[in-house]
Amino acid sequence: MKLIVRWLLLAGALLLVAHLYPGVAVASFGSALIAAAVLGLLNTLVRPLLVLLTLPVTLLTLGLFLFVINALMFWSAASLLDGLAVTGFAAALIGSLIYSACGVIIDALIERVFQRD
């Protein structure tokens, strides 16, 4: 149940990103659901490999290169899907920052709500 609620809220967060920032566009809530799932898969499967491969650069930039990796994941999801559009790398960077901030808030709220059960 927790996973489904998180997925739905993250899809809503994608719609919020599209509403707040004009460089990101989401066609519908269904597209947002698919995009949230694809982003989750990319972050689970591809992101750890990229973090490992770019570890020297990440250490050199004191972790700031992780923002670039997040933007690449966001941009990759947009290139794989028809319902999610990102106008460029800068839009992917800003969109991923907003989406990540929403994800942190969603995770905190979910932990608080499901802790009571």
PDB file of N, CA and C in Angstrom:
ATOM      1  N   MET A   1       0.827  -1.195   0.000  1.00  0.00           N
ATOM      2  CA  MET A   1       0.000   0.000   0.000  1.00  0.00           C
ATOM      3  C   MET A   1       0.876   1.265   0.000  1.00  0.00           C
ATOM      4  N   LYS A   2       1.935   1.219   0.779  1.00  0.00           N
ATOM      5  CA  LYS A   2       2.846   2.358   0.895  1.00  0.00           C
ATOM      6  C   LYS A   2       3.487   2.694  -0.461  1.00  0.00           C
ATOM      7  N   LEU A   3       3.868   1.664  -1.203  1.00  0.00           N
ATOM      8  CA  LEU A   3       4.497   1.853  -2.505  1.00  0.00           C
ATOM      9  C   LEU A   3       3.535   2.486  -3.508  1.00  0.00           C
ATOM     10  N   ILE A   4       2.292   2.058  -3.484  1.00  0.00           N
ATOM     11  CA  ILE A   4       1.292   2.594  -4.417  1.00  0.00           C
ATOM     12  C   ILE A   4       0.996   4.053  -4.098  1.00  0.00           C
ATOM     13  N   VAL A   5       0.872   4.381  -2.818  1.00  0.00           N
ATOM     14  CA  VAL A   5       0.622   5.770  -2.421  1.00  0.00           C
ATOM     15  C   VAL A   5       1.791   6.652  -2.833  1.00  0.00           C
ATOM     16  N   ARG A   6       3.011   6.162  -2.618  1.00  0.00           N
ATOM     17  CA  ARG A   6       4.209   6.925  -3.001  1.00  0.00           C
ATOM     18  C   ARG A   6       4.248   7.138  -4.514  1.00  0.00           C
ATOM     19  N   TRP A   7       3.921   6.097  -5.272  1.00  0.00           N
ATOM     20  CA  TRP A   7       3.912   6.193  -6.725  1.00  0.00           C
ATOM     21  C   TRP A   7       2.890   7.238  -7.198  1.00  0.00           C
ATOM     22  N   LEU A   8       1.699   7.206  -6.630  1.00  0.00           N
ATOM     23  CA  LEU A   8       0.661   8.170  -7.003  1.00  0.00           C
ATOM     24  C   LEU A   8       1.082   9.597  -6.662  1.00  0.00           C
ATOM     25  N   LEU A   9       1.679   9.770  -5.482  1.00  0.00           N
ATOM     26  CA  LEU A   9       2.108  11.102  -5.077  1.00  0.00           C
ATOM     27  C   LEU A   9       3.274  11.608  -5.932  1.00  0.00           C
ATOM     28  N   LEU A  10       4.179  10.720  -6.308  1.00  0.00           N
ATOM     29  CA  LEU A  10       5.280  11.133  -7.177  1.00  0.00           C
ATOM     30  C   LEU A  10       4.781  11.491  -8.580  1.00  0.00           C
ATOM     31  N   ALA A  11       3.741  10.810  -9.034  1.00  0.00           N
ATOM     32  CA  ALA A  11       3.127  11.188 -10.316  1.00  0.00           C
ATOM     33  C   ALA A  11       2.501  12.578 -10.199  1.00  0.00           C
ATOM     34  N   GLY A  12       1.860  12.844  -9.065  1.00  0.00           N
ATOM     35  CA  GLY A  12       1.335  14.186  -8.819  1.00  0.00           C
ATOM     36  C   GLY A  12       2.444  15.227  -8.749  1.00  0.00           C
ATOM     37  N   ALA A  13       3.598  14.829  -8.190  1.00  0.00           N
ATOM     38  CA  ALA A  13       4.744  15.735  -8.129  1.00  0.00           C
ATOM     39  C   ALA A  13       5.245  16.074  -9.526  1.00  0.00           C
ATOM     40  N   LEU A  14       5.208  15.110 -10.438  1.00  0.00           N
ATOM     41  CA  LEU A  14       5.590  15.397 -11.826  1.00  0.00           C
ATOM     42  C   LEU A  14       4.642  16.411 -12.460  1.00  0.00           C
ATOM     43  N   LEU A  15       3.365  16.283 -12.164  1.00  0.00           N
ATOM     44  CA  LEU A  15       2.398  17.265 -12.673  1.00  0.00           C
ATOM     45  C   LEU A  15       2.670  18.637 -12.064  1.00  0.00           C
ATOM     46  N   LEU A  16       3.073  18.665 -10.791  1.00  0.00           N
ATOM     47  CA  LEU A  16       3.413  19.926 -10.140  1.00  0.00           C
ATOM     48  C   LEU A  16       4.643  20.555 -10.778  1.00  0.00           C
ATOM     49  N   VAL A  17       5.640  19.748 -11.083  1.00  0.00           N
ATOM     50  CA  VAL A  17       6.846  20.252 -11.766  1.00  0.00           C
ATOM     51  C   VAL A  17       6.465  20.863 -13.107  1.00  0.00           C
ATOM     52  N   ALA A  18       5.611  20.189 -13.848  1.00  0.00           N
ATOM     53  CA  ALA A  18       5.176  20.705 -15.154  1.00  0.00           C
ATOM     54  C   ALA A  18       4.388  22.006 -14.996  1.00  0.00           C
ATOM     55  N   HIS A  19       3.650  22.112 -13.900  1.00  0.00           N
ATOM     56  CA  HIS A  19       2.865  23.323 -13.653  1.00  0.00           C
ATOM     57  C   HIS A  19       3.768  24.492 -13.233  1.00  0.00           C
ATOM     58  N   LEU A  20       4.784  24.203 -12.421  1.00  0.00           N
ATOM     59  CA  LEU A  20       5.648  25.252 -11.899  1.00  0.00           C
ATOM     60  C   LEU A  20       6.713  25.711 -12.887  1.00  0.00           C
ATOM     61  N   TYR A  21       7.188  24.803 -13.710  1.00  0.00           N
ATOM     62  CA  TYR A  21       8.304  25.132 -14.605  1.00  0.00           C
ATOM     63  C   TYR A  21       7.913  24.855 -16.050  1.00  0.00           C
ATOM     64  N   PRO A  22       7.965  25.863 -16.906  1.00  0.00           N
ATOM     65  CA  PRO A  22       7.507  25.682 -18.292  1.00  0.00           C
ATOM     66  C   PRO A  22       8.426  24.816 -19.160  1.00  0.00           C
ATOM     67  N   GLY A  23       9.623  24.494 -18.709  1.00  0.00           N
ATOM     68  CA  GLY A  23      10.522  23.661 -19.486  1.00  0.00           C
ATOM     69  C   GLY A  23      10.192  22.185 -19.439  1.00  0.00           C
ATOM     70  N   VAL A  24       9.257  21.817 -18.559  1.00  0.00           N
ATOM     71  CA  VAL A  24       8.831  20.423 -18.407  1.00  0.00           C
ATOM     72  C   VAL A  24       7.340  20.358 -18.704  1.00  0.00           C
ATOM     73  N   ALA A  25       6.949  19.378 -19.519  1.00  0.00           N
ATOM     74  CA  ALA A  25       5.538  19.206 -19.865  1.00  0.00           C
ATOM     75  C   ALA A  25       5.141  17.749 -19.678  1.00  0.00           C
ATOM     76  N   VAL A  26       3.981  17.540 -19.065  1.00  0.00           N
ATOM     77  CA  VAL A  26       3.424  16.202 -18.873  1.00  0.00           C
ATOM     78  C   VAL A  26       2.047  16.204 -19.521  1.00  0.00           C
ATOM     79  N   ALA A  27       1.792  15.201 -20.358  1.00  0.00           N
ATOM     80  CA  ALA A  27       0.549  15.176 -21.137  1.00  0.00           C
ATOM     81  C   ALA A  27      -0.682  14.937 -20.273  1.00  0.00           C
ATOM     82  N   SER A  28      -0.615  13.996 -19.333  1.00  0.00           N
ATOM     83  CA  SER A  28      -1.785  13.651 -18.529  1.00  0.00           C
ATOM     84  C   SER A  28      -1.332  12.963 -17.251  1.00  0.00           C
ATOM     85  N   PHE A  29      -2.294  12.666 -16.382  1.00  0.00           N
ATOM     86  CA  PHE A  29      -1.956  11.960 -15.150  1.00  0.00           C
ATOM     87  C   PHE A  29      -1.473  10.546 -15.458  1.00  0.00           C
ATOM     88  N   GLY A  30      -2.044   9.924 -16.469  1.00  0.00           N
ATOM     89  CA  GLY A  30      -1.579   8.594 -16.880  1.00  0.00           C
ATOM     90  C   GLY A  30      -0.129   8.626 -17.351  1.00  0.00           C
ATOM     91  N   SER A  31       0.206   9.654 -18.103  1.00  0.00           N
ATOM     92  CA  SER A  31       1.597   9.822 -18.529  1.00  0.00           C
ATOM     93  C   SER A  31       2.504  10.072 -17.335  1.00  0.00           C
ATOM     94  N   ALA A  32       2.005  10.812 -16.358  1.00  0.00           N
ATOM     95  CA  ALA A  32       2.786  11.077 -15.145  1.00  0.00           C
ATOM     96  C   ALA A  32       3.010   9.790 -14.358  1.00  0.00           C
ATOM     97  N   LEU A  33       2.011   8.910 -14.319  1.00  0.00           N
ATOM     98  CA  LEU A  33       2.175   7.619 -13.634  1.00  0.00           C
ATOM     99  C   LEU A  33       3.257   6.777 -14.300  1.00  0.00           C
ATOM    100  N   ILE A  34       3.220   6.729 -15.621  1.00  0.00           N
ATOM    101  CA  ILE A  34       4.228   5.959 -16.354  1.00  0.00           C
ATOM    102  C   ILE A  34       5.606   6.594 -16.183  1.00  0.00           C
ATOM    103  N   ALA A  35       5.672   7.920 -16.250  1.00  0.00           N
ATOM    104  CA  ALA A  35       6.955   8.613 -16.103  1.00  0.00           C
ATOM    105  C   ALA A  35       7.533   8.415 -14.705  1.00  0.00           C
ATOM    106  N   ALA A  36       6.683   8.435 -13.681  1.00  0.00           N
ATOM    107  CA  ALA A  36       7.164   8.208 -12.317  1.00  0.00           C
ATOM    108  C   ALA A  36       7.715   6.794 -12.167  1.00  0.00           C
ATOM    109  N   ALA A  37       7.073   5.830 -12.809  1.00  0.00           N
ATOM    110  CA  ALA A  37       7.565   4.452 -12.763  1.00  0.00           C
ATOM    111  C   ALA A  37       8.898   4.321 -13.502  1.00  0.00           C
ATOM    112  N   VAL A  38       9.003   4.953 -14.671  1.00  0.00           N
ATOM    113  CA  VAL A  38      10.254   4.892 -15.440  1.00  0.00           C
ATOM    114  C   VAL A  38      11.380   5.607 -14.687  1.00  0.00           C
ATOM    115  N   LEU A  39      11.079   6.748 -14.090  1.00  0.00           N
ATOM    116  CA  LEU A  39      12.082   7.443 -13.294  1.00  0.00           C
ATOM    117  C   LEU A  39      12.544   6.588 -12.117  1.00  0.00           C
ATOM    118  N   GLY A  40      11.608   5.916 -11.484  1.00  0.00           N
ATOM    119  CA  GLY A  40      11.963   5.019 -10.388  1.00  0.00           C
ATOM    120  C   GLY A  40      12.866   3.885 -10.848  1.00  0.00           C
ATOM    121  N   LEU A  41      12.547   3.309 -11.992  1.00  0.00           N
ATOM    122  CA  LEU A  41      13.387   2.225 -12.527  1.00  0.00           C
ATOM    123  C   LEU A  41      14.780   2.727 -12.921  1.00  0.00           C
ATOM    124  N   LEU A  42      14.835   3.877 -13.572  1.00  0.00           N
ATOM    125  CA  LEU A  42      16.137   4.431 -13.943  1.00  0.00           C
ATOM    126  C   LEU A  42      16.975   4.755 -12.710  1.00  0.00           C
ATOM    127  N   ASN A  43      16.340   5.328 -11.705  1.00  0.00           N
ATOM    128  CA  ASN A  43      17.064   5.662 -10.479  1.00  0.00           C
ATOM    129  C   ASN A  43      17.491   4.421  -9.704  1.00  0.00           C
ATOM    130  N   THR A  44      16.772   3.332  -9.862  1.00  0.00           N
ATOM    131  CA  THR A  44      17.127   2.097  -9.170  1.00  0.00           C
ATOM    132  C   THR A  44      18.197   1.312  -9.918  1.00  0.00           C
ATOM    133  N   LEU A  45      18.118   1.279 -11.236  1.00  0.00           N
ATOM    134  CA  LEU A  45      19.005   0.428 -12.019  1.00  0.00           C
ATOM    135  C   LEU A  45      20.219   1.143 -12.605  1.00  0.00           C
ATOM    136  N   VAL A  46      20.027   2.331 -13.163  1.00  0.00           N
ATOM    137  CA  VAL A  46      21.100   3.001 -13.899  1.00  0.00           C
ATOM    138  C   VAL A  46      21.876   3.985 -13.015  1.00  0.00           C
ATOM    139  N   ARG A  47      21.190   4.699 -12.163  1.00  0.00           N
ATOM    140  CA  ARG A  47      21.832   5.738 -11.356  1.00  0.00           C
ATOM    141  C   ARG A  47      22.987   5.211 -10.505  1.00  0.00           C
ATOM    142  N   PRO A  48      22.849   4.078  -9.802  1.00  0.00           N
ATOM    143  CA  PRO A  48      23.992   3.598  -9.009  1.00  0.00           C
ATOM    144  C   PRO A  48      25.242   3.328  -9.852  1.00  0.00           C
ATOM    145  N   LEU A  49      25.047   2.826 -11.058  1.00  0.00           N
ATOM    146  CA  LEU A  49      26.180   2.583 -11.948  1.00  0.00           C
ATOM    147  C   LEU A  49      26.847   3.898 -12.355  1.00  0.00           C
ATOM    148  N   LEU A  50      26.031   4.909 -12.688  1.00  0.00           N
ATOM    149  CA  LEU A  50      26.581   6.216 -13.048  1.00  0.00           C
ATOM    150  C   LEU A  50      27.301   6.866 -11.875  1.00  0.00           C
ATOM    151  N   VAL A  51      26.739   6.725 -10.685  1.00  0.00           N
ATOM    152  CA  VAL A  51      27.385   7.292  -9.498  1.00  0.00           C
ATOM    153  C   VAL A  51      28.741   6.634  -9.274  1.00  0.00           C
ATOM    154  N   LEU A  52      28.793   5.333  -9.449  1.00  0.00           N
ATOM    155  CA  LEU A  52      30.053   4.613  -9.270  1.00  0.00           C
ATOM    156  C   LEU A  52      31.087   5.008 -10.328  1.00  0.00           C
ATOM    157  N   LEU A  53      30.648   5.105 -11.579  1.00  0.00           N
ATOM    158  CA  LEU A  53      31.571   5.454 -12.659  1.00  0.00           C
ATOM    159  C   LEU A  53      32.083   6.890 -12.567  1.00  0.00           C
ATOM    160  N   THR A  54      31.288   7.775 -12.009  1.00  0.00           N
ATOM    161  CA  THR A  54      31.675   9.185 -11.925  1.00  0.00           C
ATOM    162  C   THR A  54      32.124   9.575 -10.517  1.00  0.00           C
ATOM    163  N   LEU A  55      32.476   8.608  -9.714  1.00  0.00           N
ATOM    164  CA  LEU A  55      32.872   8.879  -8.335  1.00  0.00           C
ATOM    165  C   LEU A  55      34.027   9.878  -8.222  1.00  0.00           C
ATOM    166  N   PRO A  56      35.080   9.778  -9.036  1.00  0.00           N
ATOM    167  CA  PRO A  56      36.148  10.785  -8.922  1.00  0.00           C
ATOM    168  C   PRO A  56      35.657  12.221  -9.186  1.00  0.00           C
ATOM    169  N   VAL A  57      34.815  12.386 -10.193  1.00  0.00           N
ATOM    170  CA  VAL A  57      34.287  13.718 -10.494  1.00  0.00           C
ATOM    171  C   VAL A  57      33.372  14.184  -9.370  1.00  0.00           C
ATOM    172  N   THR A  58      32.583  13.272  -8.836  1.00  0.00           N
ATOM    173  CA  THR A  58      31.680  13.615  -7.741  1.00  0.00           C
ATOM    174  C   THR A  58      32.467  14.048  -6.509  1.00  0.00           C
ATOM    175  N   LEU A  59      33.539  13.354  -6.204  1.00  0.00           N
ATOM    176  CA  LEU A  59      34.373  13.742  -5.070  1.00  0.00           C
ATOM    177  C   LEU A  59      35.059  15.081  -5.323  1.00  0.00           C
ATOM    178  N   LEU A  60      35.522  15.291  -6.531  1.00  0.00           N
ATOM    179  CA  LEU A  60      36.198  16.530  -6.882  1.00  0.00           C
ATOM    180  C   LEU A  60      35.267  17.738  -6.776  1.00  0.00           C
ATOM    181  N   THR A  61      34.000  17.535  -7.119  1.00  0.00           N
ATOM    182  CA  THR A  61      33.023  18.627  -7.061  1.00  0.00           C
ATOM    183  C   THR A  61      32.256  18.652  -5.747  1.00  0.00           C
ATOM    184  N   LEU A  62      32.726  17.865  -4.773  1.00  0.00           N
ATOM    185  CA  LEU A  62      32.108  17.800  -3.444  1.00  0.00           C
ATOM    186  C   LEU A  62      30.633  17.394  -3.514  1.00  0.00           C
ATOM    187  N   GLY A  63      30.320  16.506  -4.424  1.00  0.00           N
ATOM    188  CA  GLY A  63      28.975  15.953  -4.535  1.00  0.00           C
ATOM    189  C   GLY A  63      28.040  16.697  -5.463  1.00  0.00           C
ATOM    190  N   LEU A  64      28.464  17.840  -5.981  1.00  0.00           N
ATOM    191  CA  LEU A  64      27.582  18.610  -6.851  1.00  0.00           C
ATOM    192  C   LEU A  64      27.300  17.916  -8.178  1.00  0.00           C
ATOM    193  N   PHE A  65      28.182  17.017  -8.586  1.00  0.00           N
ATOM    194  CA  PHE A  65      27.963  16.296  -9.850  1.00  0.00           C
ATOM    195  C   PHE A  65      26.747  15.371  -9.754  1.00  0.00           C
ATOM    196  N   LEU A  66      26.307  15.049  -8.550  1.00  0.00           N
ATOM    197  CA  LEU A  66      25.097  14.231  -8.386  1.00  0.00           C
ATOM    198  C   LEU A  66      23.866  14.941  -8.948  1.00  0.00           C
ATOM    199  N   PHE A  67      23.877  16.268  -8.920  1.00  0.00           N
ATOM    200  CA  PHE A  67      22.785  17.021  -9.538  1.00  0.00           C
ATOM    201  C   PHE A  67      22.754  16.776 -11.049  1.00  0.00           C
ATOM    202  N   VAL A  68      23.923  16.686 -11.654  1.00  0.00           N
ATOM    203  CA  VAL A  68      24.020  16.407 -13.089  1.00  0.00           C
ATOM    204  C   VAL A  68      23.491  15.007 -13.380  1.00  0.00           C
ATOM    205  N   ILE A  69      23.822  14.046 -12.528  1.00  0.00           N
ATOM    206  CA  ILE A  69      23.330  12.674 -12.719  1.00  0.00           C
ATOM    207  C   ILE A  69      21.815  12.628 -12.587  1.00  0.00           C
ATOM    208  N   ASN A  70      21.258  13.345 -11.605  1.00  0.00           N
ATOM    209  CA  ASN A  70      19.795  13.403 -11.463  1.00  0.00           C
ATOM    210  C   ASN A  70      19.155  14.019 -12.699  1.00  0.00           C
ATOM    211  N   ALA A  71      19.774  15.073 -13.224  1.00  0.00           N
ATOM    212  CA  ALA A  71      19.237  15.705 -14.438  1.00  0.00           C
ATOM    213  C   ALA A  71      19.301  14.744 -15.618  1.00  0.00           C
ATOM    214  N   LEU A  72      20.377  13.982 -15.716  1.00  0.00           N
ATOM    215  CA  LEU A  72      20.483  12.998 -16.801  1.00  0.00           C
ATOM    216  C   LEU A  72      19.403  11.924 -16.698  1.00  0.00           C
ATOM    217  N   MET A  73      19.085  11.494 -15.486  1.00  0.00           N
ATOM    218  CA  MET A  73      18.017  10.501 -15.297  1.00  0.00           C
ATOM    219  C   MET A  73      16.671  11.086 -15.727  1.00  0.00           C
ATOM    220  N   PHE A  74      16.431  12.343 -15.347  1.00  0.00           N
ATOM    221  CA  PHE A  74      15.181  13.019 -15.701  1.00  0.00           C
ATOM    222  C   PHE A  74      15.084  13.200 -17.216  1.00  0.00           C
ATOM    223  N   TRP A  75      16.182  13.602 -17.832  1.00  0.00           N
ATOM    224  CA  TRP A  75      16.228  13.816 -19.278  1.00  0.00           C
ATOM    225  C   TRP A  75      16.089  12.490 -20.024  1.00  0.00           C
ATOM    226  N   SER A  76      16.686  11.442 -19.497  1.00  0.00           N
ATOM    227  CA  SER A  76      16.576  10.114 -20.118  1.00  0.00           C
ATOM    228  C   SER A  76      15.138   9.610 -20.086  1.00  0.00           C
ATOM    229  N   ALA A  77      14.476   9.812 -18.966  1.00  0.00           N
ATOM    230  CA  ALA A  77      13.072   9.395 -18.872  1.00  0.00           C
ATOM    231  C   ALA A  77      12.226  10.146 -19.890  1.00  0.00           C
ATOM    232  N   ALA A  78      12.507  11.429 -20.051  1.00  0.00           N
ATOM    233  CA  ALA A  78      11.747  12.226 -21.023  1.00  0.00           C
ATOM    234  C   ALA A  78      12.016  11.777 -22.453  1.00  0.00           C
ATOM    235  N   SER A  79      13.238  11.336 -22.714  1.00  0.00           N
ATOM    236  CA  SER A  79      13.530  10.888 -24.077  1.00  0.00           C
ATOM    237  C   SER A  79      12.933   9.512 -24.369  1.00  0.00           C
ATOM    238  N   LEU A  80      12.693   8.730 -23.329  1.00  0.00           N
ATOM    239  CA  LEU A  80      12.097   7.404 -23.516  1.00  0.00           C
ATOM    240  C   LEU A  80      10.576   7.454 -23.655  1.00  0.00           C
ATOM    241  N   LEU A  81       9.956   8.492 -23.136  1.00  0.00           N
ATOM    242  CA  LEU A  81       8.496   8.551 -23.071  1.00  0.00           C
ATOM    243  C   LEU A  81       7.936   9.657 -23.958  1.00  0.00           C
ATOM    244  N   ASP A  82       6.736   9.417 -24.463  1.00  0.00           N
ATOM    245  CA  ASP A  82       6.059  10.427 -25.269  1.00  0.00           C
ATOM    246  C   ASP A  82       5.302  11.439 -24.412  1.00  0.00           C
ATOM    247  N   GLY A  83       4.837  11.028 -23.245  1.00  0.00           N
ATOM    248  CA  GLY A  83       4.006  11.889 -22.407  1.00  0.00           C
ATOM    249  C   GLY A  83       4.774  12.851 -21.529  1.00  0.00           C
ATOM    250  N   LEU A  84       6.101  12.738 -21.496  1.00  0.00           N
ATOM    251  CA  LEU A  84       6.938  13.632 -20.699  1.00  0.00           C
ATOM    252  C   LEU A  84       7.913  14.326 -21.643  1.00  0.00           C
ATOM    253  N   ALA A  85       7.919  15.657 -21.604  1.00  0.00           N
ATOM    254  CA  ALA A  85       8.802  16.422 -22.491  1.00  0.00           C
ATOM    255  C   ALA A  85       9.630  17.389 -21.665  1.00  0.00           C
ATOM    256  N   VAL A  86      10.925  17.433 -21.962  1.00  0.00           N
ATOM    257  CA  VAL A  86      11.850  18.360 -21.317  1.00  0.00           C
ATOM    258  C   VAL A  86      12.563  19.109 -22.437  1.00  0.00           C
ATOM    259  N   THR A  87      12.623  20.434 -22.333  1.00  0.00           N
ATOM    260  CA  THR A  87      13.137  21.241 -23.437  1.00  0.00           C
ATOM    261  C   THR A  87      14.649  21.216 -23.578  1.00  0.00           C
ATOM    262  N   GLY A  88      15.373  20.860 -22.552  1.00  0.00           N
ATOM    263  CA  GLY A  88      16.832  20.817 -22.644  1.00  0.00           C
ATOM    264  C   GLY A  88      17.444  20.382 -21.329  1.00  0.00           C
ATOM    265  N   PHE A  89      18.781  20.427 -21.271  1.00  0.00           N
ATOM    266  CA  PHE A  89      19.449  19.966 -20.065  1.00  0.00           C
ATOM    267  C   PHE A  89      19.174  20.885 -18.875  1.00  0.00           C
ATOM    268  N   ALA A  90      19.136  22.187 -19.106  1.00  0.00           N
ATOM    269  CA  ALA A  90      18.842  23.121 -18.013  1.00  0.00           C
ATOM    270  C   ALA A  90      17.440  22.868 -17.460  1.00  0.00           C
ATOM    271  N   ALA A  91      16.503  22.607 -18.338  1.00  0.00           N
ATOM    272  CA  ALA A  91      15.147  22.292 -17.889  1.00  0.00           C
ATOM    273  C   ALA A  91      15.121  20.977 -17.123  1.00  0.00           C
ATOM    274  N   ALA A  92      15.924  20.007 -17.565  1.00  0.00           N
ATOM    275  CA  ALA A  92      16.017  18.738 -16.853  1.00  0.00           C
ATOM    276  C   ALA A  92      16.627  18.934 -15.477  1.00  0.00           C
ATOM    277  N   LEU A  93      17.616  19.804 -15.371  1.00  0.00           N
ATOM    278  CA  LEU A  93      18.254  20.077 -14.085  1.00  0.00           C
ATOM    279  C   LEU A  93      17.278  20.733 -13.110  1.00  0.00           C
ATOM    280  N   ILE A  94      16.593  21.759 -13.561  1.00  0.00           N
ATOM    281  CA  ILE A  94      15.636  22.447 -12.702  1.00  0.00           C
ATOM    282  C   ILE A  94      14.456  21.543 -12.379  1.00  0.00           C
ATOM    283  N   GLY A  95      13.958  20.816 -13.375  1.00  0.00           N
ATOM    284  CA  GLY A  95      12.856  19.885 -13.138  1.00  0.00           C
ATOM    285  C   GLY A  95      13.229  18.784 -12.166  1.00  0.00           C
ATOM    286  N   SER A  96      14.457  18.268 -12.276  1.00  0.00           N
ATOM    287  CA  SER A  96      14.874  17.206 -11.358  1.00  0.00           C
ATOM    288  C   SER A  96      15.059  17.735  -9.945  1.00  0.00           C
ATOM    289  N   LEU A  97      15.485  18.991  -9.815  1.00  0.00           N
ATOM    290  CA  LEU A  97      15.607  19.587  -8.482  1.00  0.00           C
ATOM    291  C   LEU A  97      14.238  19.733  -7.812  1.00  0.00           C
ATOM    292  N   ILE A  98      13.275  20.224  -8.563  1.00  0.00           N
ATOM    293  CA  ILE A  98      11.924  20.378  -8.011  1.00  0.00           C
ATOM    294  C   ILE A  98      11.329  19.013  -7.694  1.00  0.00           C
ATOM    295  N   TYR A  99      11.511  18.056  -8.602  1.00  0.00           N
ATOM    296  CA  TYR A  99      10.983  16.703  -8.399  1.00  0.00           C
ATOM    297  C   TYR A  99      11.637  16.024  -7.193  1.00  0.00           C
ATOM    298  N   SER A 100      12.933  16.225  -7.026  1.00  0.00           N
ATOM    299  CA  SER A 100      13.633  15.641  -5.881  1.00  0.00           C
ATOM    300  C   SER A 100      13.161  16.257  -4.574  1.00  0.00           C
ATOM    301  N   ALA A 101      12.959  17.574  -4.568  1.00  0.00           N
ATOM    302  CA  ALA A 101      12.453  18.237  -3.362  1.00  0.00           C
ATOM    303  C   ALA A 101      11.067  17.709  -3.002  1.00  0.00           C
ATOM    304  N   CYS A 102      10.218  17.534  -4.014  1.00  0.00           N
ATOM    305  CA  CYS A 102       8.887  16.958  -3.772  1.00  0.00           C
ATOM    306  C   CYS A 102       9.008  15.532  -3.249  1.00  0.00           C
ATOM    307  N   GLY A 103       9.958  14.766  -3.792  1.00  0.00           N
ATOM    308  CA  GLY A 103      10.160  13.389  -3.345  1.00  0.00           C
ATOM    309  C   GLY A 103      10.579  13.306  -1.892  1.00  0.00           C
ATOM    310  N   VAL A 104      11.426  14.219  -1.457  1.00  0.00           N
ATOM    311  CA  VAL A 104      11.847  14.247  -0.052  1.00  0.00           C
ATOM    312  C   VAL A 104      10.653  14.537   0.854  1.00  0.00           C
ATOM    313  N   ILE A 105       9.836  15.503   0.464  1.00  0.00           N
ATOM    314  CA  ILE A 105       8.648  15.848   1.253  1.00  0.00           C
ATOM    315  C   ILE A 105       7.672  14.682   1.273  1.00  0.00           C
ATOM    316  N   ILE A 106       7.460  14.046   0.132  1.00  0.00           N
ATOM    317  CA  ILE A 106       6.544  12.902   0.049  1.00  0.00           C
ATOM    318  C   ILE A 106       7.034  11.759   0.921  1.00  0.00           C
ATOM    319  N   ASP A 107       8.322  11.452   0.873  1.00  0.00           N
ATOM    320  CA  ASP A 107       8.864  10.373   1.698  1.00  0.00           C
ATOM    321  C   ASP A 107       8.698  10.660   3.187  1.00  0.00           C
ATOM    322  N   ALA A 108       8.915  11.914   3.593  1.00  0.00           N
ATOM    323  CA  ALA A 108       8.744  12.279   5.000  1.00  0.00           C
ATOM    324  C   ALA A 108       7.284  12.142   5.434  1.00  0.00           C
ATOM    325  N   LEU A 109       6.378  12.572   4.574  1.00  0.00           N
ATOM    326  CA  LEU A 109       4.947  12.468   4.902  1.00  0.00           C
ATOM    327  C   LEU A 109       4.488  11.008   4.961  1.00  0.00           C
ATOM    328  N   ILE A 110       4.956  10.214   4.030  1.00  0.00           N
ATOM    329  CA  ILE A 110       4.561   8.801   4.007  1.00  0.00           C
ATOM    330  C   ILE A 110       5.076   8.085   5.254  1.00  0.00           C
ATOM    331  N   GLU A 111       6.305   8.378   5.634  1.00  0.00           N
ATOM    332  CA  GLU A 111       6.848   7.742   6.848  1.00  0.00           C
ATOM    333  C   GLU A 111       6.043   8.152   8.070  1.00  0.00           C
ATOM    334  N   ARG A 112       5.632   9.397   8.116  1.00  0.00           N
ATOM    335  CA  ARG A 112       4.843   9.873   9.248  1.00  0.00           C
ATOM    336  C   ARG A 112       3.455   9.228   9.281  1.00  0.00           C
ATOM    337  N   VAL A 113       2.816   9.123   8.118  1.00  0.00           N
ATOM    338  CA  VAL A 113       1.464   8.555   8.055  1.00  0.00           C
ATOM    339  C   VAL A 113       1.483   7.047   8.322  1.00  0.00           C
ATOM    340  N   PHE A 114       2.412   6.327   7.690  1.00  0.00           N
ATOM    341  CA  PHE A 114       2.425   4.883   7.827  1.00  0.00           C
ATOM    342  C   PHE A 114       3.119   4.419   9.099  1.00  0.00           C
ATOM    343  N   GLN A 115       3.723   5.311   9.837  1.00  0.00           N
ATOM    344  CA  GLN A 115       4.331   4.964  11.112  1.00  0.00           C
ATOM    345  C   GLN A 115       3.258   4.681  12.147  1.00  0.00           C
ATOM    346  N   ARG A 116       2.119   5.300  12.006  1.00  0.00           N
ATOM    347  CA  ARG A 116       1.016   5.144  12.965  1.00  0.00           C
ATOM    348  C   ARG A 116       0.369   3.759  12.899  1.00  0.00           C
ATOM    349  N   ASP A 117       0.514   3.075  11.772  1.00  0.00           N
ATOM    350  CA  ASP A 117      -0.146   1.769  11.610  1.00  0.00           C
ATOM    351  C   ASP A 117       0.518   0.673  12.379  1.00  0.00           C
TER     352      ASP A 117
END
